[in-house]
C-alpha atoms as a PDB file:
ATOM      1  CA  UNK A   1     126.702  50.382 192.625  1.00  0.00           C
ATOM      2  CA  UNK A   2     124.740  48.634 189.913  1.00  0.00           C
ATOM      3  CA  UNK A   3     125.752  51.285 187.388  1.00  0.00           C
ATOM      4  CA  UNK A   4     129.432  50.604 188.092  1.00  0.00           C
ATOM      5  CA  UNK A   5     128.866  46.858 187.847  1.00  0.00           C
ATOM      6  CA  UNK A   6     127.100  47.224 184.500  1.00  0.00           C
ATOM      7  CA  UNK A   7     129.902  49.380 183.133  1.00  0.00           C
ATOM      8  CA  UNK A   8     132.565  46.861 184.134  1.00  0.00           C
ATOM      9  CA  UNK A   9     130.619  43.983 182.605  1.00  0.00           C
ATOM     10  CA  UNK A  10     130.003  45.790 179.335  1.00  0.00           C
ATOM     11  CA  UNK A  11     133.662  46.823 179.120  1.00  0.00           C
ATOM     12  CA  UNK A  12     134.786  43.220 179.532  1.00  0.00           C
ATOM     13  CA  UNK A  13     132.499  41.855 176.801  1.00  0.00           C
ATOM     14  CA  UNK A  14     134.637  42.917 173.806  1.00  0.00           C
ATOM     15  CA  UNK A  15     137.681  41.274 175.392  1.00  0.00           C
ATOM     16  CA  UNK A  16     135.753  38.070 176.052  1.00  0.00           C
ATOM     17  CA  UNK A  17     134.335  38.093 172.538  1.00  0.00           C
ATOM     18  CA  UNK A  18     137.749  38.654 170.946  1.00  0.00           C
ATOM     19  CA  UNK A  19     139.205  35.865 173.063  1.00  0.00           C
ATOM     20  CA  UNK A  20     136.407  33.500 172.077  1.00  0.00           C
ATOM     21  CA  UNK A  21     136.899  34.309 168.392  1.00  0.00           C
ATOM     22  CA  UNK A  22     140.656  33.767 168.641  1.00  0.00           C
ATOM     23  CA  UNK A  23     140.141  30.450 170.408  1.00  0.00           C
ATOM     24  CA  UNK A  24     137.691  29.379 167.697  1.00  0.00           C
ATOM     25  CA  UNK A  25     140.250  30.265 165.014  1.00  0.00           C
ATOM     26  CA  UNK A  26     142.955  28.352 166.882  1.00  0.00           C
ATOM     27  CA  UNK A  27     140.688  25.323 167.242  1.00  0.00           C
ATOM     28  CA  UNK A  28     139.856  25.410 163.519  1.00  0.00           C
ATOM     29  CA  UNK A  29     143.567  25.660 162.636  1.00  0.00           C
ATOM     30  CA  UNK A  30     144.423  22.696 164.863  1.00  0.00           C
ATOM     31  CA  UNK A  31     141.547  20.638 163.442  1.00  0.00           C
ATOM     32  CA  UNK A  32     142.645  21.365 159.875  1.00  0.00           C
ATOM     33  CA  UNK A  33     146.247  20.532 160.699  1.00  0.00           C
ATOM     34  CA  UNK A  34     145.363  17.147 162.161  1.00  0.00           C
ATOM     35  CA  UNK A  35     142.936  16.435 159.311  1.00  0.00           C
ATOM     36  CA  UNK A  36     145.763  17.093 156.844  1.00  0.00           C
ATOM     37  CA  UNK A  37     148.130  14.817 158.770  1.00  0.00           C
ATOM     38  CA  UNK A  38     145.528  12.040 158.832  1.00  0.00           C
ATOM     39  CA  UNK A  39     144.745  12.482 155.131  1.00  0.00           C
ATOM     40  CA  UNK A  40     148.431  12.306 154.252  1.00  0.00           C
ATOM     41  CA  UNK A  41     148.870   9.151 156.324  1.00  0.00           C
ATOM     42  CA  UNK A  42     145.852   7.534 154.656  1.00  0.00           C
ATOM     43  CA  UNK A  43     147.148   8.487 151.216  1.00  0.00           C
ATOM     44  CA  UNK A  44     150.527   6.885 151.946  1.00  0.00           C
ATOM     45  CA  UNK A  45     148.823   3.746 153.255  1.00  0.00           C
ATOM     46  CA  UNK A  46     146.589   3.518 150.179  1.00  0.00           C
ATOM     47  CA  UNK A  47     149.581   4.047 147.876  1.00  0.00           C
ATOM     48  CA  UNK A  48     151.528   1.273 149.621  1.00  0.00           C
ATOM     49  CA  UNK A  49     148.561  -1.107 149.467  1.00  0.00           C
ATOM     50  CA  UNK A  50     147.967  -0.430 145.771  1.00  0.00           C
ATOM     51  CA  UNK A  51     151.662  -0.773 144.915  1.00  0.00           C
ATOM     52  CA  UNK A  52     151.700  -4.233 146.532  1.00  0.00           C
ATOM     53  CA  UNK A  53     148.904  -5.485 144.263  1.00  0.00           C
ATOM     54  CA  UNK A  54     149.796  -7.320 141.078  1.00  0.00           C
ATOM     55  CA  UNK A  55     148.746  -6.013 137.663  1.00  0.00           C
ATOM     56  CA  UNK A  56     145.867  -8.463 137.312  1.00  0.00           C
ATOM     57  CA  UNK A  57     144.302  -7.408 140.607  1.00  0.00           C
ATOM     58  CA  UNK A  58     144.702  -3.752 139.671  1.00  0.00           C
ATOM     59  CA  UNK A  59     143.007  -4.467 136.335  1.00  0.00           C
ATOM     60  CA  UNK A  60     140.140  -6.134 138.224  1.00  0.00           C
ATOM     61  CA  UNK A  61     139.462  -2.904 140.088  1.00  0.00           C
ATOM     62  CA  UNK A  62     139.759  -0.896 136.866  1.00  0.00           C
ATOM     63  CA  UNK A  63     143.167   0.644 137.367  1.00  0.00           C
ATOM     64  CA  UNK A  64     146.608   0.235 135.913  1.00  0.00           C
ATOM     65  CA  UNK A  65     149.833   0.857 137.769  1.00  0.00           C
ATOM     66  CA  UNK A  66     150.439   4.221 136.083  1.00  0.00           C
ATOM     67  CA  UNK A  67     147.069   5.544 137.295  1.00  0.00           C
ATOM     68  CA  UNK A  68     147.705   5.014 141.011  1.00  0.00           C
ATOM     69  CA  UNK A  69     149.141   8.479 141.673  1.00  0.00           C
ATOM     70  CA  UNK A  70     146.492  10.362 139.689  1.00  0.00           C
ATOM     71  CA  UNK A  71     143.648   8.392 141.315  1.00  0.00           C
ATOM     72  CA  UNK A  72     145.038   9.075 144.779  1.00  0.00           C
ATOM     73  CA  UNK A  73     145.317  12.779 143.940  1.00  0.00           C
ATOM     74  CA  UNK A  74     141.710  12.832 142.716  1.00  0.00           C
ATOM     75  CA  UNK A  75     140.585  11.177 145.940  1.00  0.00           C
ATOM     76  CA  UNK A  76     142.553  13.702 148.021  1.00  0.00           C
ATOM     77  CA  UNK A  77     140.901  16.593 146.192  1.00  0.00           C
ATOM     78  CA  UNK A  78     137.456  15.051 146.673  1.00  0.00           C
ATOM     79  CA  UNK A  79     138.151  14.634 150.373  1.00  0.00           C
ATOM     80  CA  UNK A  80     139.268  18.256 150.664  1.00  0.00           C
ATOM     81  CA  UNK A  81     136.041  19.405 148.981  1.00  0.00           C
ATOM     82  CA  UNK A  82     133.973  17.320 151.400  1.00  0.00           C
ATOM     83  CA  UNK A  83     135.683  18.964 154.366  1.00  0.00           C
ATOM     84  CA  UNK A  84     134.679  22.444 153.237  1.00  0.00           C
ATOM     85  CA  UNK A  85     131.844  24.093 155.187  1.00  0.00           C
ATOM     86  CA  UNK A  86     128.470  23.765 153.542  1.00  0.00           C
ATOM     87  CA  UNK A  87     129.380  20.648 151.565  1.00  0.00           C
ATOM     88  CA  UNK A  88     126.291  18.734 152.722  1.00  0.00           C
END
């Protein structure tokens, strides 16, 4: 009886392992999706806040109005690099 039990358990392991791997991939996909949605929302909020500032205030922080888009893109790329595994 123990031989039959061992065979059934060992036969089920590949299925359980494949399922666990697929669930891990699904979880990673969902996490990346929501991280992208949050990053996009933050980028829009930062763009709106910077567009509301006058030119003098922008100059005080070292930026002119034409640099807003490129600075936001640089920040988005830096954030994407930080989210990569092994960044620390």
